[in-house]
Amino acid sequence: MNTDTRDDRQKPARSELSADVIFDLLSVTRRRHALYYISEQVGTVSLPDLSDALTVWEPVEEERHHQRIATGLYHRHLPKLADAGVLQYDADTDTIELLPAAEQLQPYLDLAAQDDARSA
């Protein structure tokens, strides 16, 4: 898990994401849903709140669905987004914060949201 535990808590400078990285980050529906939710919030988002939101967006009649979403976010999706410099995940406080590089995803995320809405 890529976590930022620096004492100065400064956000890294915005780096340019390649088209391949952008498309890879947005290629998974659950990751797009997570980014939709996080980008609509002000400030930090907790992992439990994000998991709750995704459980509502992805209703499945399965007892452990919420836990599977939280586990997938923790082990797969958040690390991938953090490694790309799009967000910061603090495992100590279970909080997620978008970083300036996330702005580069927005036009593509908007297009994906339109497509997701049409296929829903």
PDB file of N, CA and C in Angstrom:
ATOM      1  N   MET A   1       0.855  -1.171   0.000  1.00  0.00           N
ATOM      2  CA  MET A   1       0.000   0.000   0.000  1.00  0.00           C
ATOM      3  C   MET A   1       0.893   1.223   0.000  1.00  0.00           C
ATOM      4  N   ASN A   2       0.647   2.104  -0.911  1.00  0.00           N
ATOM      5  CA  ASN A   2       1.417   3.338  -0.997  1.00  0.00           C
ATOM      6  C   ASN A   2       0.747   4.382  -0.123  1.00  0.00           C
ATOM      7  N   THR A   3       1.317   4.645   1.025  1.00  0.00           N
ATOM      8  CA  THR A   3       0.762   5.660   1.915  1.00  0.00           C
ATOM      9  C   THR A   3       1.776   6.757   2.090  1.00  0.00           C
ATOM     10  N   ASP A   4       1.286   7.923   2.378  1.00  0.00           N
ATOM     11  CA  ASP A   4       2.154   9.070   2.566  1.00  0.00           C
ATOM     12  C   ASP A   4       2.185   9.392   4.049  1.00  0.00           C
ATOM     13  N   THR A   5       3.309   9.136   4.683  1.00  0.00           N
ATOM     14  CA  THR A   5       3.414   9.402   6.113  1.00  0.00           C
ATOM     15  C   THR A   5       4.458  10.470   6.398  1.00  0.00           C
ATOM     16  N   ARG A   6       4.757  11.298   5.391  1.00  0.00           N
ATOM     17  CA  ARG A   6       5.748  12.352   5.587  1.00  0.00           C
ATOM     18  C   ARG A   6       5.268  13.327   6.652  1.00  0.00           C
ATOM     19  N   ASP A   7       6.214  13.795   7.452  1.00  0.00           N
ATOM     20  CA  ASP A   7       5.859  14.722   8.515  1.00  0.00           C
ATOM     21  C   ASP A   7       5.372  16.059   7.978  1.00  0.00           C
ATOM     22  N   ASP A   8       5.931  16.497   6.854  1.00  0.00           N
ATOM     23  CA  ASP A   8       5.566  17.827   6.367  1.00  0.00           C
ATOM     24  C   ASP A   8       4.207  17.837   5.667  1.00  0.00           C
ATOM     25  N   ARG A   9       3.693  16.657   5.307  1.00  0.00           N
ATOM     26  CA  ARG A   9       2.366  16.518   4.691  1.00  0.00           C
ATOM     27  C   ARG A   9       2.186  17.397   3.454  1.00  0.00           C
ATOM     28  N   GLN A  10       3.253  17.765   2.792  1.00  0.00           N
ATOM     29  CA  GLN A  10       3.133  18.530   1.565  1.00  0.00           C
ATOM     30  C   GLN A  10       2.681  17.616   0.446  1.00  0.00           C
ATOM     31  N   LYS A  11       1.828  18.140  -0.410  1.00  0.00           N
ATOM     32  CA  LYS A  11       1.374  17.376  -1.551  1.00  0.00           C
ATOM     33  C   LYS A  11       2.434  17.456  -2.638  1.00  0.00           C
ATOM     34  N   PRO A  12       2.662  16.332  -3.319  1.00  0.00           N
ATOM     35  CA  PRO A  12       3.640  16.368  -4.385  1.00  0.00           C
ATOM     36  C   PRO A  12       3.193  17.278  -5.517  1.00  0.00           C
ATOM     37  N   ALA A  13       4.158  17.804  -6.252  1.00  0.00           N
ATOM     38  CA  ALA A  13       3.841  18.661  -7.385  1.00  0.00           C
ATOM     39  C   ALA A  13       3.081  17.842  -8.423  1.00  0.00           C
ATOM     40  N   ARG A  14       2.223  18.497  -9.137  1.00  0.00           N
ATOM     41  CA  ARG A  14       1.439  17.836 -10.178  1.00  0.00           C
ATOM     42  C   ARG A  14       2.368  17.357 -11.282  1.00  0.00           C
ATOM     43  N   SER A  15       2.263  16.082 -11.609  1.00  0.00           N
ATOM     44  CA  SER A  15       3.044  15.553 -12.719  1.00  0.00           C
ATOM     45  C   SER A  15       2.080  15.189 -13.842  1.00  0.00           C
ATOM     46  N   GLU A  16       2.578  15.250 -15.048  1.00  0.00           N
ATOM     47  CA  GLU A  16       1.741  14.954 -16.203  1.00  0.00           C
ATOM     48  C   GLU A  16       1.538  13.448 -16.325  1.00  0.00           C
ATOM     49  N   LEU A  17       0.299  13.040 -16.462  1.00  0.00           N
ATOM     50  CA  LEU A  17      -0.037  11.629 -16.652  1.00  0.00           C
ATOM     51  C   LEU A  17      -0.081  11.344 -18.144  1.00  0.00           C
ATOM     52  N   SER A  18       0.487  10.235 -18.550  1.00  0.00           N
ATOM     53  CA  SER A  18       0.430   9.849 -19.962  1.00  0.00           C
ATOM     54  C   SER A  18      -0.979   9.353 -20.294  1.00  0.00           C
ATOM     55  N   ALA A  19      -1.306   9.349 -21.571  1.00  0.00           N
ATOM     56  CA  ALA A  19      -2.603   8.848 -22.010  1.00  0.00           C
ATOM     57  C   ALA A  19      -2.779   7.388 -21.595  1.00  0.00           C
ATOM     58  N   ASP A  20      -1.713   6.595 -21.690  1.00  0.00           N
ATOM     59  CA  ASP A  20      -1.802   5.192 -21.294  1.00  0.00           C
ATOM     60  C   ASP A  20      -2.166   5.049 -19.821  1.00  0.00           C
ATOM     61  N   VAL A  21      -1.561   5.871 -18.970  1.00  0.00           N
ATOM     62  CA  VAL A  21      -1.850   5.817 -17.536  1.00  0.00           C
ATOM     63  C   VAL A  21      -3.293   6.247 -17.275  1.00  0.00           C
ATOM     64  N   ILE A  22      -3.726   7.320 -17.913  1.00  0.00           N
ATOM     65  CA  ILE A  22      -5.096   7.808 -17.725  1.00  0.00           C
ATOM     66  C   ILE A  22      -6.098   6.737 -18.126  1.00  0.00           C
ATOM     67  N   PHE A  23      -5.913   6.154 -19.308  1.00  0.00           N
ATOM     68  CA  PHE A  23      -6.856   5.142 -19.770  1.00  0.00           C
ATOM     69  C   PHE A  23      -6.809   3.897 -18.893  1.00  0.00           C
ATOM     70  N   ASP A  24      -5.637   3.533 -18.414  1.00  0.00           N
ATOM     71  CA  ASP A  24      -5.527   2.385 -17.517  1.00  0.00           C
ATOM     72  C   ASP A  24      -6.266   2.660 -16.209  1.00  0.00           C
ATOM     73  N   LEU A  25      -6.074   3.840 -15.648  1.00  0.00           N
ATOM     74  CA  LEU A  25      -6.740   4.175 -14.383  1.00  0.00           C
ATOM     75  C   LEU A  25      -8.256   4.161 -14.520  1.00  0.00           C
ATOM     76  N   LEU A  26      -8.749   4.589 -15.674  1.00  0.00           N
ATOM     77  CA  LEU A  26     -10.196   4.695 -15.866  1.00  0.00           C
ATOM     78  C   LEU A  26     -10.813   3.455 -16.523  1.00  0.00           C
ATOM     79  N   SER A  27     -10.021   2.430 -16.741  1.00  0.00           N
ATOM     80  CA  SER A  27     -10.515   1.239 -17.441  1.00  0.00           C
ATOM     81  C   SER A  27     -11.396   0.339 -16.583  1.00  0.00           C
ATOM     82  N   VAL A  28     -11.386   0.540 -15.281  1.00  0.00           N
ATOM     83  CA  VAL A  28     -12.152  -0.313 -14.367  1.00  0.00           C
ATOM     84  C   VAL A  28     -13.322   0.492 -13.799  1.00  0.00           C
ATOM     85  N   THR A  29     -14.515  -0.059 -13.962  1.00  0.00           N
ATOM     86  CA  THR A  29     -15.731   0.646 -13.529  1.00  0.00           C
ATOM     87  C   THR A  29     -15.675   1.034 -12.053  1.00  0.00           C
ATOM     88  N   ARG A  30     -15.266   0.133 -11.193  1.00  0.00           N
ATOM     89  CA  ARG A  30     -15.243   0.440  -9.760  1.00  0.00           C
ATOM     90  C   ARG A  30     -14.282   1.592  -9.458  1.00  0.00           C
ATOM     91  N   ARG A  31     -13.152   1.650 -10.164  1.00  0.00           N
ATOM     92  CA  ARG A  31     -12.206   2.744  -9.956  1.00  0.00           C
ATOM     93  C   ARG A  31     -12.826   4.058 -10.424  1.00  0.00           C
ATOM     94  N   ARG A  32     -13.551   4.023 -11.558  1.00  0.00           N
ATOM     95  CA  ARG A  32     -14.238   5.238 -12.023  1.00  0.00           C
ATOM     96  C   ARG A  32     -15.284   5.665 -11.002  1.00  0.00           C
ATOM     97  N   HIS A  33     -16.063   4.726 -10.491  1.00  0.00           N
ATOM     98  CA  HIS A  33     -17.079   5.074  -9.490  1.00  0.00           C
ATOM     99  C   HIS A  33     -16.430   5.697  -8.256  1.00  0.00           C
ATOM    100  N   ALA A  34     -15.307   5.137  -7.834  1.00  0.00           N
ATOM    101  CA  ALA A  34     -14.596   5.706  -6.684  1.00  0.00           C
ATOM    102  C   ALA A  34     -14.164   7.135  -6.990  1.00  0.00           C
ATOM    103  N   LEU A  35     -13.624   7.360  -8.172  1.00  0.00           N
ATOM    104  CA  LEU A  35     -13.187   8.709  -8.543  1.00  0.00           C
ATOM    105  C   LEU A  35     -14.365   9.668  -8.666  1.00  0.00           C
ATOM    106  N   TYR A  36     -15.514   9.195  -9.191  1.00  0.00           N
ATOM    107  CA  TYR A  36     -16.712  10.048  -9.247  1.00  0.00           C
ATOM    108  C   TYR A  36     -17.050  10.531  -7.840  1.00  0.00           C
ATOM    109  N   TYR A  37     -17.118   9.585  -6.918  1.00  0.00           N
ATOM    110  CA  TYR A  37     -17.516   9.916  -5.547  1.00  0.00           C
ATOM    111  C   TYR A  37     -16.513  10.856  -4.888  1.00  0.00           C
ATOM    112  N   ILE A  38     -15.239  10.497  -4.942  1.00  0.00           N
ATOM    113  CA  ILE A  38     -14.212  11.311  -4.278  1.00  0.00           C
ATOM    114  C   ILE A  38     -14.164  12.717  -4.860  1.00  0.00           C
ATOM    115  N   SER A  39     -14.307  12.832  -6.175  1.00  0.00           N
ATOM    116  CA  SER A  39     -14.206  14.153  -6.808  1.00  0.00           C
ATOM    117  C   SER A  39     -15.391  15.052  -6.475  1.00  0.00           C
ATOM    118  N   GLU A  40     -16.504  14.463  -6.037  1.00  0.00           N
ATOM    119  CA  GLU A  40     -17.685  15.251  -5.663  1.00  0.00           C
ATOM    120  C   GLU A  40     -17.655  15.710  -4.204  1.00  0.00           C
ATOM    121  N   GLN A  41     -16.717  15.184  -3.431  1.00  0.00           N
ATOM    122  CA  GLN A  41     -16.647  15.508  -2.007  1.00  0.00           C
ATOM    123  C   GLN A  41     -15.695  16.675  -1.781  1.00  0.00           C
ATOM    124  N   VAL A  42     -15.875  17.348  -0.675  1.00  0.00           N
ATOM    125  CA  VAL A  42     -14.979  18.433  -0.268  1.00  0.00           C
ATOM    126  C   VAL A  42     -14.052  17.875   0.805  1.00  0.00           C
ATOM    127  N   GLY A  43     -12.752  18.026   0.584  1.00  0.00           N
ATOM    128  CA  GLY A  43     -11.779  17.547   1.566  1.00  0.00           C
ATOM    129  C   GLY A  43     -11.543  16.056   1.430  1.00  0.00           C
ATOM    130  N   THR A  44     -11.231  15.446   2.566  1.00  0.00           N
ATOM    131  CA  THR A  44     -10.899  14.022   2.551  1.00  0.00           C
ATOM    132  C   THR A  44     -12.164  13.168   2.617  1.00  0.00           C
ATOM    133  N   VAL A  45     -12.009  11.936   2.179  1.00  0.00           N
ATOM    134  CA  VAL A  45     -13.088  10.953   2.186  1.00  0.00           C
ATOM    135  C   VAL A  45     -12.581   9.753   2.973  1.00  0.00           C
ATOM    136  N   SER A  46     -13.442   9.161   3.773  1.00  0.00           N
ATOM    137  CA  SER A  46     -13.027   7.960   4.500  1.00  0.00           C
ATOM    138  C   SER A  46     -13.270   6.729   3.640  1.00  0.00           C
ATOM    139  N   LEU A  47     -12.441   5.716   3.839  1.00  0.00           N
ATOM    140  CA  LEU A  47     -12.622   4.456   3.121  1.00  0.00           C
ATOM    141  C   LEU A  47     -13.993   3.841   3.406  1.00  0.00           C
ATOM    142  N   PRO A  48     -14.467   3.838   4.663  1.00  0.00           N
ATOM    143  CA  PRO A  48     -15.813   3.301   4.903  1.00  0.00           C
ATOM    144  C   PRO A  48     -16.911   4.066   4.144  1.00  0.00           C
ATOM    145  N   ASP A  49     -16.809   5.396   4.070  1.00  0.00           N
ATOM    146  CA  ASP A  49     -17.809   6.176   3.329  1.00  0.00           C
ATOM    147  C   ASP A  49     -17.760   5.858   1.847  1.00  0.00           C
ATOM    148  N   LEU A  50     -16.555   5.730   1.303  1.00  0.00           N
ATOM    149  CA  LEU A  50     -16.408   5.383  -0.109  1.00  0.00           C
ATOM    150  C   LEU A  50     -16.982   3.997  -0.368  1.00  0.00           C
ATOM    151  N   SER A  51     -16.688   3.043   0.495  1.00  0.00           N
ATOM    152  CA  SER A  51     -17.225   1.686   0.342  1.00  0.00           C
ATOM    153  C   SER A  51     -18.749   1.692   0.407  1.00  0.00           C
ATOM    154  N   ASP A  52     -19.308   2.473   1.332  1.00  0.00           N
ATOM    155  CA  ASP A  52     -20.771   2.575   1.443  1.00  0.00           C
ATOM    156  C   ASP A  52     -21.376   3.110   0.151  1.00  0.00           C
ATOM    157  N   ALA A  53     -20.778   4.165  -0.402  1.00  0.00           N
ATOM    158  CA  ALA A  53     -21.296   4.767  -1.633  1.00  0.00           C
ATOM    159  C   ALA A  53     -21.244   3.777  -2.791  1.00  0.00           C
ATOM    160  N   LEU A  54     -20.155   3.052  -2.907  1.00  0.00           N
ATOM    161  CA  LEU A  54     -20.035   2.097  -4.000  1.00  0.00           C
ATOM    162  C   LEU A  54     -20.987   0.925  -3.831  1.00  0.00           C
ATOM    163  N   THR A  55     -21.271   0.547  -2.599  1.00  0.00           N
ATOM    164  CA  THR A  55     -22.230  -0.530  -2.344  1.00  0.00           C
ATOM    165  C   THR A  55     -23.618  -0.116  -2.843  1.00  0.00           C
ATOM    166  N   VAL A  56     -23.964   1.150  -2.669  1.00  0.00           N
ATOM    167  CA  VAL A  56     -25.253   1.649  -3.144  1.00  0.00           C
ATOM    168  C   VAL A  56     -25.275   1.694  -4.673  1.00  0.00           C
ATOM    169  N   TRP A  57     -24.167   2.125  -5.288  1.00  0.00           N
ATOM    170  CA  TRP A  57     -24.096   2.222  -6.750  1.00  0.00           C
ATOM    171  C   TRP A  57     -24.019   0.866  -7.422  1.00  0.00           C
ATOM    172  N   GLU A  58     -23.497  -0.124  -6.720  1.00  0.00           N
ATOM    173  CA  GLU A  58     -23.318  -1.454  -7.283  1.00  0.00           C
ATOM    174  C   GLU A  58     -24.119  -2.466  -6.468  1.00  0.00           C
ATOM    175  N   PRO A  59     -25.447  -2.333  -6.464  1.00  0.00           N
ATOM    176  CA  PRO A  59     -26.239  -3.217  -5.616  1.00  0.00           C
ATOM    177  C   PRO A  59     -26.160  -4.669  -6.086  1.00  0.00           C
ATOM    178  N   VAL A  60     -25.787  -5.504  -5.162  1.00  0.00           N
ATOM    179  CA  VAL A  60     -25.695  -6.941  -5.413  1.00  0.00           C
ATOM    180  C   VAL A  60     -26.278  -7.634  -4.186  1.00  0.00           C
ATOM    181  N   GLU A  61     -27.085  -8.620  -4.425  1.00  0.00           N
ATOM    182  CA  GLU A  61     -27.671  -9.372  -3.315  1.00  0.00           C
ATOM    183  C   GLU A  61     -26.665 -10.399  -2.814  1.00  0.00           C
ATOM    184  N   GLU A  62     -25.665  -9.917  -2.133  1.00  0.00           N
ATOM    185  CA  GLU A  62     -24.629 -10.788  -1.595  1.00  0.00           C
ATOM    186  C   GLU A  62     -24.254 -10.255  -0.227  1.00  0.00           C
ATOM    187  N   GLU A  63     -24.211 -11.131   0.729  1.00  0.00           N
ATOM    188  CA  GLU A  63     -23.974 -10.748   2.114  1.00  0.00           C
ATOM    189  C   GLU A  63     -22.659 -10.000   2.312  1.00  0.00           C
ATOM    190  N   ARG A  64     -21.620 -10.416   1.639  1.00  0.00           N
ATOM    191  CA  ARG A  64     -20.293  -9.829   1.863  1.00  0.00           C
ATOM    192  C   ARG A  64     -19.897  -8.817   0.795  1.00  0.00           C
ATOM    193  N   HIS A  65     -20.840  -8.282   0.030  1.00  0.00           N
ATOM    194  CA  HIS A  65     -20.529  -7.364  -1.062  1.00  0.00           C
ATOM    195  C   HIS A  65     -19.785  -6.117  -0.563  1.00  0.00           C
ATOM    196  N   HIS A  66     -20.256  -5.525   0.528  1.00  0.00           N
ATOM    197  CA  HIS A  66     -19.609  -4.323   1.068  1.00  0.00           C
ATOM    198  C   HIS A  66     -18.162  -4.623   1.430  1.00  0.00           C
ATOM    199  N   GLN A  67     -17.922  -5.744   2.072  1.00  0.00           N
ATOM    200  CA  GLN A  67     -16.561  -6.112   2.470  1.00  0.00           C
ATOM    201  C   GLN A  67     -15.679  -6.349   1.250  1.00  0.00           C
ATOM    202  N   ARG A  68     -16.225  -6.967   0.216  1.00  0.00           N
ATOM    203  CA  ARG A  68     -15.461  -7.194  -1.012  1.00  0.00           C
ATOM    204  C   ARG A  68     -15.081  -5.867  -1.674  1.00  0.00           C
ATOM    205  N   ILE A  69     -15.991  -4.915  -1.672  1.00  0.00           N
ATOM    206  CA  ILE A  69     -15.687  -3.596  -2.236  1.00  0.00           C
ATOM    207  C   ILE A  69     -14.571  -2.942  -1.437  1.00  0.00           C
ATOM    208  N   ALA A  70     -14.699  -2.910  -0.123  1.00  0.00           N
ATOM    209  CA  ALA A  70     -13.680  -2.280   0.731  1.00  0.00           C
ATOM    210  C   ALA A  70     -12.324  -2.946   0.539  1.00  0.00           C
ATOM    211  N   THR A  71     -12.310  -4.267   0.467  1.00  0.00           N
ATOM    212  CA  THR A  71     -11.055  -5.001   0.293  1.00  0.00           C
ATOM    213  C   THR A  71     -10.427  -4.694  -1.061  1.00  0.00           C
ATOM    214  N   GLY A  72     -11.240  -4.661  -2.107  1.00  0.00           N
ATOM    215  CA  GLY A  72     -10.729  -4.336  -3.442  1.00  0.00           C
ATOM    216  C   GLY A  72     -10.177  -2.926  -3.517  1.00  0.00           C
ATOM    217  N   LEU A  73     -10.861  -1.995  -2.876  1.00  0.00           N
ATOM    218  CA  LEU A  73     -10.368  -0.619  -2.844  1.00  0.00           C
ATOM    219  C   LEU A  73      -9.021  -0.552  -2.127  1.00  0.00           C
ATOM    220  N   TYR A  74      -8.960  -1.184  -0.977  1.00  0.00           N
ATOM    221  CA  TYR A  74      -7.760  -1.120  -0.133  1.00  0.00           C
ATOM    222  C   TYR A  74      -6.554  -1.781  -0.799  1.00  0.00           C
ATOM    223  N   HIS A  75      -6.768  -2.948  -1.381  1.00  0.00           N
ATOM    224  CA  HIS A  75      -5.641  -3.722  -1.908  1.00  0.00           C
ATOM    225  C   HIS A  75      -5.320  -3.456  -3.373  1.00  0.00           C
ATOM    226  N   ARG A  76      -6.290  -2.999  -4.137  1.00  0.00           N
ATOM    227  CA  ARG A  76      -6.061  -2.869  -5.580  1.00  0.00           C
ATOM    228  C   ARG A  76      -6.222  -1.448  -6.101  1.00  0.00           C
ATOM    229  N   HIS A  77      -7.386  -0.872  -5.916  1.00  0.00           N
ATOM    230  CA  HIS A  77      -7.709   0.384  -6.594  1.00  0.00           C
ATOM    231  C   HIS A  77      -7.037   1.609  -5.982  1.00  0.00           C
ATOM    232  N   LEU A  78      -7.099   1.746  -4.669  1.00  0.00           N
ATOM    233  CA  LEU A  78      -6.448   2.907  -4.045  1.00  0.00           C
ATOM    234  C   LEU A  78      -4.932   2.893  -4.240  1.00  0.00           C
ATOM    235  N   PRO A  79      -4.258   1.743  -4.097  1.00  0.00           N
ATOM    236  CA  PRO A  79      -2.811   1.743  -4.360  1.00  0.00           C
ATOM    237  C   PRO A  79      -2.472   2.139  -5.795  1.00  0.00           C
ATOM    238  N   LYS A  80      -3.264   1.677  -6.750  1.00  0.00           N
ATOM    239  CA  LYS A  80      -3.000   2.012  -8.157  1.00  0.00           C
ATOM    240  C   LYS A  80      -3.153   3.512  -8.373  1.00  0.00           C
ATOM    241  N   LEU A  81      -4.189   4.107  -7.814  1.00  0.00           N
ATOM    242  CA  LEU A  81      -4.403   5.544  -7.949  1.00  0.00           C
ATOM    243  C   LEU A  81      -3.335   6.339  -7.194  1.00  0.00           C
ATOM    244  N   ALA A  82      -2.935   5.840  -6.034  1.00  0.00           N
ATOM    245  CA  ALA A  82      -1.878   6.511  -5.256  1.00  0.00           C
ATOM    246  C   ALA A  82      -0.536   6.417  -5.975  1.00  0.00           C
ATOM    247  N   ASP A  83      -0.230   5.257  -6.536  1.00  0.00           N
ATOM    248  CA  ASP A  83       1.032   5.091  -7.264  1.00  0.00           C
ATOM    249  C   ASP A  83       1.111   6.017  -8.471  1.00  0.00           C
ATOM    250  N   ALA A  84      -0.036   6.306  -9.076  1.00  0.00           N
ATOM    251  CA  ALA A  84      -0.077   7.211 -10.227  1.00  0.00           C
ATOM    252  C   ALA A  84      -0.005   8.678  -9.794  1.00  0.00           C
ATOM    253  N   GLY A  85      -0.098   8.939  -8.493  1.00  0.00           N
ATOM    254  CA  GLY A  85      -0.038  10.314  -7.997  1.00  0.00           C
ATOM    255  C   GLY A  85      -1.356  11.055  -8.087  1.00  0.00           C
ATOM    256  N   VAL A  86      -2.456  10.305  -8.209  1.00  0.00           N
ATOM    257  CA  VAL A  86      -3.775  10.904  -8.361  1.00  0.00           C
ATOM    258  C   VAL A  86      -4.435  11.173  -7.013  1.00  0.00           C
ATOM    259  N   LEU A  87      -4.126  10.340  -6.043  1.00  0.00           N
ATOM    260  CA  LEU A  87      -4.685  10.542  -4.711  1.00  0.00           C
ATOM    261  C   LEU A  87      -3.683  10.112  -3.657  1.00  0.00           C
ATOM    262  N   GLN A  88      -4.005  10.491  -2.449  1.00  0.00           N
ATOM    263  CA  GLN A  88      -3.203  10.105  -1.285  1.00  0.00           C
ATOM    264  C   GLN A  88      -4.124   9.324  -0.357  1.00  0.00           C
ATOM    265  N   TYR A  89      -3.672   8.140   0.058  1.00  0.00           N
ATOM    266  CA  TYR A  89      -4.438   7.342   1.000  1.00  0.00           C
ATOM    267  C   TYR A  89      -3.628   7.204   2.274  1.00  0.00           C
ATOM    268  N   ASP A  90      -4.216   7.617   3.384  1.00  0.00           N
ATOM    269  CA  ASP A  90      -3.566   7.513   4.689  1.00  0.00           C
ATOM    270  C   ASP A  90      -4.185   6.325   5.419  1.00  0.00           C
ATOM    271  N   ALA A  91      -3.444   5.237   5.511  1.00  0.00           N
ATOM    272  CA  ALA A  91      -3.956   4.014   6.136  1.00  0.00           C
ATOM    273  C   ALA A  91      -4.172   4.184   7.635  1.00  0.00           C
ATOM    274  N   ASP A  92      -3.438   5.101   8.270  1.00  0.00           N
ATOM    275  CA  ASP A  92      -3.613   5.314   9.707  1.00  0.00           C
ATOM    276  C   ASP A  92      -4.977   5.902  10.032  1.00  0.00           C
ATOM    277  N   THR A  93      -5.440   6.803   9.186  1.00  0.00           N
ATOM    278  CA  THR A  93      -6.740   7.444   9.427  1.00  0.00           C
ATOM    279  C   THR A  93      -7.822   6.962   8.478  1.00  0.00           C
ATOM    280  N   ASP A  94      -7.460   6.065   7.547  1.00  0.00           N
ATOM    281  CA  ASP A  94      -8.394   5.543   6.539  1.00  0.00           C
ATOM    282  C   ASP A  94      -9.019   6.672   5.720  1.00  0.00           C
ATOM    283  N   THR A  95      -8.208   7.678   5.373  1.00  0.00           N
ATOM    284  CA  THR A  95      -8.730   8.797   4.602  1.00  0.00           C
ATOM    285  C   THR A  95      -8.062   8.888   3.238  1.00  0.00           C
ATOM    286  N   ILE A  96      -8.827   9.402   2.297  1.00  0.00           N
ATOM    287  CA  ILE A  96      -8.415   9.525   0.910  1.00  0.00           C
ATOM    288  C   ILE A  96      -8.565  10.981   0.515  1.00  0.00           C
ATOM    289  N   GLU A  97      -7.564  11.489  -0.184  1.00  0.00           N
ATOM    290  CA  GLU A  97      -7.615  12.865  -0.658  1.00  0.00           C
ATOM    291  C   GLU A  97      -7.088  12.921  -2.083  1.00  0.00           C
ATOM    292  N   LEU A  98      -7.838  13.587  -2.955  1.00  0.00           N
ATOM    293  CA  LEU A  98      -7.364  13.759  -4.322  1.00  0.00           C
ATOM    294  C   LEU A  98      -6.185  14.712  -4.346  1.00  0.00           C
ATOM    295  N   LEU A  99      -5.261  14.466  -5.243  1.00  0.00           N
ATOM    296  CA  LEU A  99      -4.100  15.321  -5.441  1.00  0.00           C
ATOM    297  C   LEU A  99      -4.290  16.111  -6.737  1.00  0.00           C
ATOM    298  N   PRO A 100      -3.501  17.163  -6.942  1.00  0.00           N
ATOM    299  CA  PRO A 100      -3.673  17.995  -8.135  1.00  0.00           C
ATOM    300  C   PRO A 100      -3.638  17.229  -9.459  1.00  0.00           C
ATOM    301  N   ALA A 101      -2.882  16.147  -9.544  1.00  0.00           N
ATOM    302  CA  ALA A 101      -2.813  15.375 -10.790  1.00  0.00           C
ATOM    303  C   ALA A 101      -4.171  14.803 -11.187  1.00  0.00           C
ATOM    304  N   ALA A 102      -5.084  14.656 -10.233  1.00  0.00           N
ATOM    305  CA  ALA A 102      -6.416  14.108 -10.531  1.00  0.00           C
ATOM    306  C   ALA A 102      -7.187  15.001 -11.501  1.00  0.00           C
ATOM    307  N   GLU A 103      -6.853  16.274 -11.544  1.00  0.00           N
ATOM    308  CA  GLU A 103      -7.534  17.198 -12.467  1.00  0.00           C
ATOM    309  C   GLU A 103      -7.371  16.743 -13.914  1.00  0.00           C
ATOM    310  N   GLN A 104      -6.268  16.078 -14.221  1.00  0.00           N
ATOM    311  CA  GLN A 104      -6.026  15.613 -15.589  1.00  0.00           C
ATOM    312  C   GLN A 104      -7.002  14.514 -16.001  1.00  0.00           C
ATOM    313  N   LEU A 105      -7.575  13.829 -15.031  1.00  0.00           N
ATOM    314  CA  LEU A 105      -8.526  12.756 -15.323  1.00  0.00           C
ATOM    315  C   LEU A 105      -9.929  13.278 -15.617  1.00  0.00           C
ATOM    316  N   GLN A 106     -10.237  14.474 -15.154  1.00  0.00           N
ATOM    317  CA  GLN A 106     -11.611  14.962 -15.173  1.00  0.00           C
ATOM    318  C   GLN A 106     -12.280  14.942 -16.547  1.00  0.00           C
ATOM    319  N   PRO A 107     -11.643  15.424 -17.608  1.00  0.00           N
ATOM    320  CA  PRO A 107     -12.343  15.376 -18.909  1.00  0.00           C
ATOM    321  C   PRO A 107     -12.681  13.948 -19.338  1.00  0.00           C
ATOM    322  N   TYR A 108     -11.779  13.022 -19.079  1.00  0.00           N
ATOM    323  CA  TYR A 108     -12.000  11.625 -19.437  1.00  0.00           C
ATOM    324  C   TYR A 108     -13.018  10.980 -18.507  1.00  0.00           C
ATOM    325  N   LEU A 109     -12.986  11.371 -17.257  1.00  0.00           N
ATOM    326  CA  LEU A 109     -13.944  10.860 -16.283  1.00  0.00           C
ATOM    327  C   LEU A 109     -15.356  11.332 -16.634  1.00  0.00           C
ATOM    328  N   ASP A 110     -15.472  12.581 -17.101  1.00  0.00           N
ATOM    329  CA  ASP A 110     -16.773  13.100 -17.537  1.00  0.00           C
ATOM    330  C   ASP A 110     -17.314  12.298 -18.722  1.00  0.00           C
ATOM    331  N   LEU A 111     -16.456  12.000 -19.689  1.00  0.00           N
ATOM    332  CA  LEU A 111     -16.874  11.171 -20.828  1.00  0.00           C
ATOM    333  C   LEU A 111     -17.290   9.782 -20.372  1.00  0.00           C
ATOM    334  N   ALA A 112     -16.516   9.198 -19.479  1.00  0.00           N
ATOM    335  CA  ALA A 112     -16.832   7.861 -18.973  1.00  0.00           C
ATOM    336  C   ALA A 112     -18.163   7.881 -18.217  1.00  0.00           C
ATOM    337  N   ALA A 113     -18.432   8.950 -17.470  1.00  0.00           N
ATOM    338  CA  ALA A 113     -19.687   9.053 -16.728  1.00  0.00           C
ATOM    339  C   ALA A 113     -20.880   9.069 -17.687  1.00  0.00           C
ATOM    340  N   GLN A 114     -20.745   9.772 -18.800  1.00  0.00           N
ATOM    341  CA  GLN A 114     -21.816   9.785 -19.792  1.00  0.00           C
ATOM    342  C   GLN A 114     -22.049   8.394 -20.355  1.00  0.00           C
ATOM    343  N   ASP A 115     -20.974   7.687 -20.650  1.00  0.00           N
ATOM    344  CA  ASP A 115     -21.068   6.331 -21.177  1.00  0.00           C
ATOM    345  C   ASP A 115     -21.659   5.387 -20.135  1.00  0.00           C
ATOM    346  N   ASP A 116     -21.201   5.518 -18.886  1.00  0.00           N
ATOM    347  CA  ASP A 116     -21.721   4.683 -17.809  1.00  0.00           C
ATOM    348  C   ASP A 116     -23.222   4.909 -17.625  1.00  0.00           C
ATOM    349  N   ALA A 117     -23.652   6.173 -17.740  1.00  0.00           N
ATOM    350  CA  ALA A 117     -25.082   6.504 -17.568  1.00  0.00           C
ATOM    351  C   ALA A 117     -25.906   5.892 -18.702  1.00  0.00           C
ATOM    352  N   ARG A 118     -25.370   5.907 -19.925  1.00  0.00           N
ATOM    353  CA  ARG A 118     -26.099   5.329 -21.060  1.00  0.00           C
ATOM    354  C   ARG A 118     -26.237   3.813 -20.920  1.00  0.00           C
ATOM    355  N   SER A 119     -25.245   3.169 -20.369  1.00  0.00           N
ATOM    356  CA  SER A 119     -25.278   1.707 -20.273  1.00  0.00           C
ATOM    357  C   SER A 119     -25.959   1.215 -18.999  1.00  0.00           C
ATOM    358  N   ALA A 120     -26.360   2.133 -18.133  1.00  0.00           N
ATOM    359  CA  ALA A 120     -27.016   1.734 -16.876  1.00  0.00           C
ATOM    360  C   ALA A 120     -28.476   1.421 -17.071  1.00  0.00           C
TER     361      ALA A 120
END
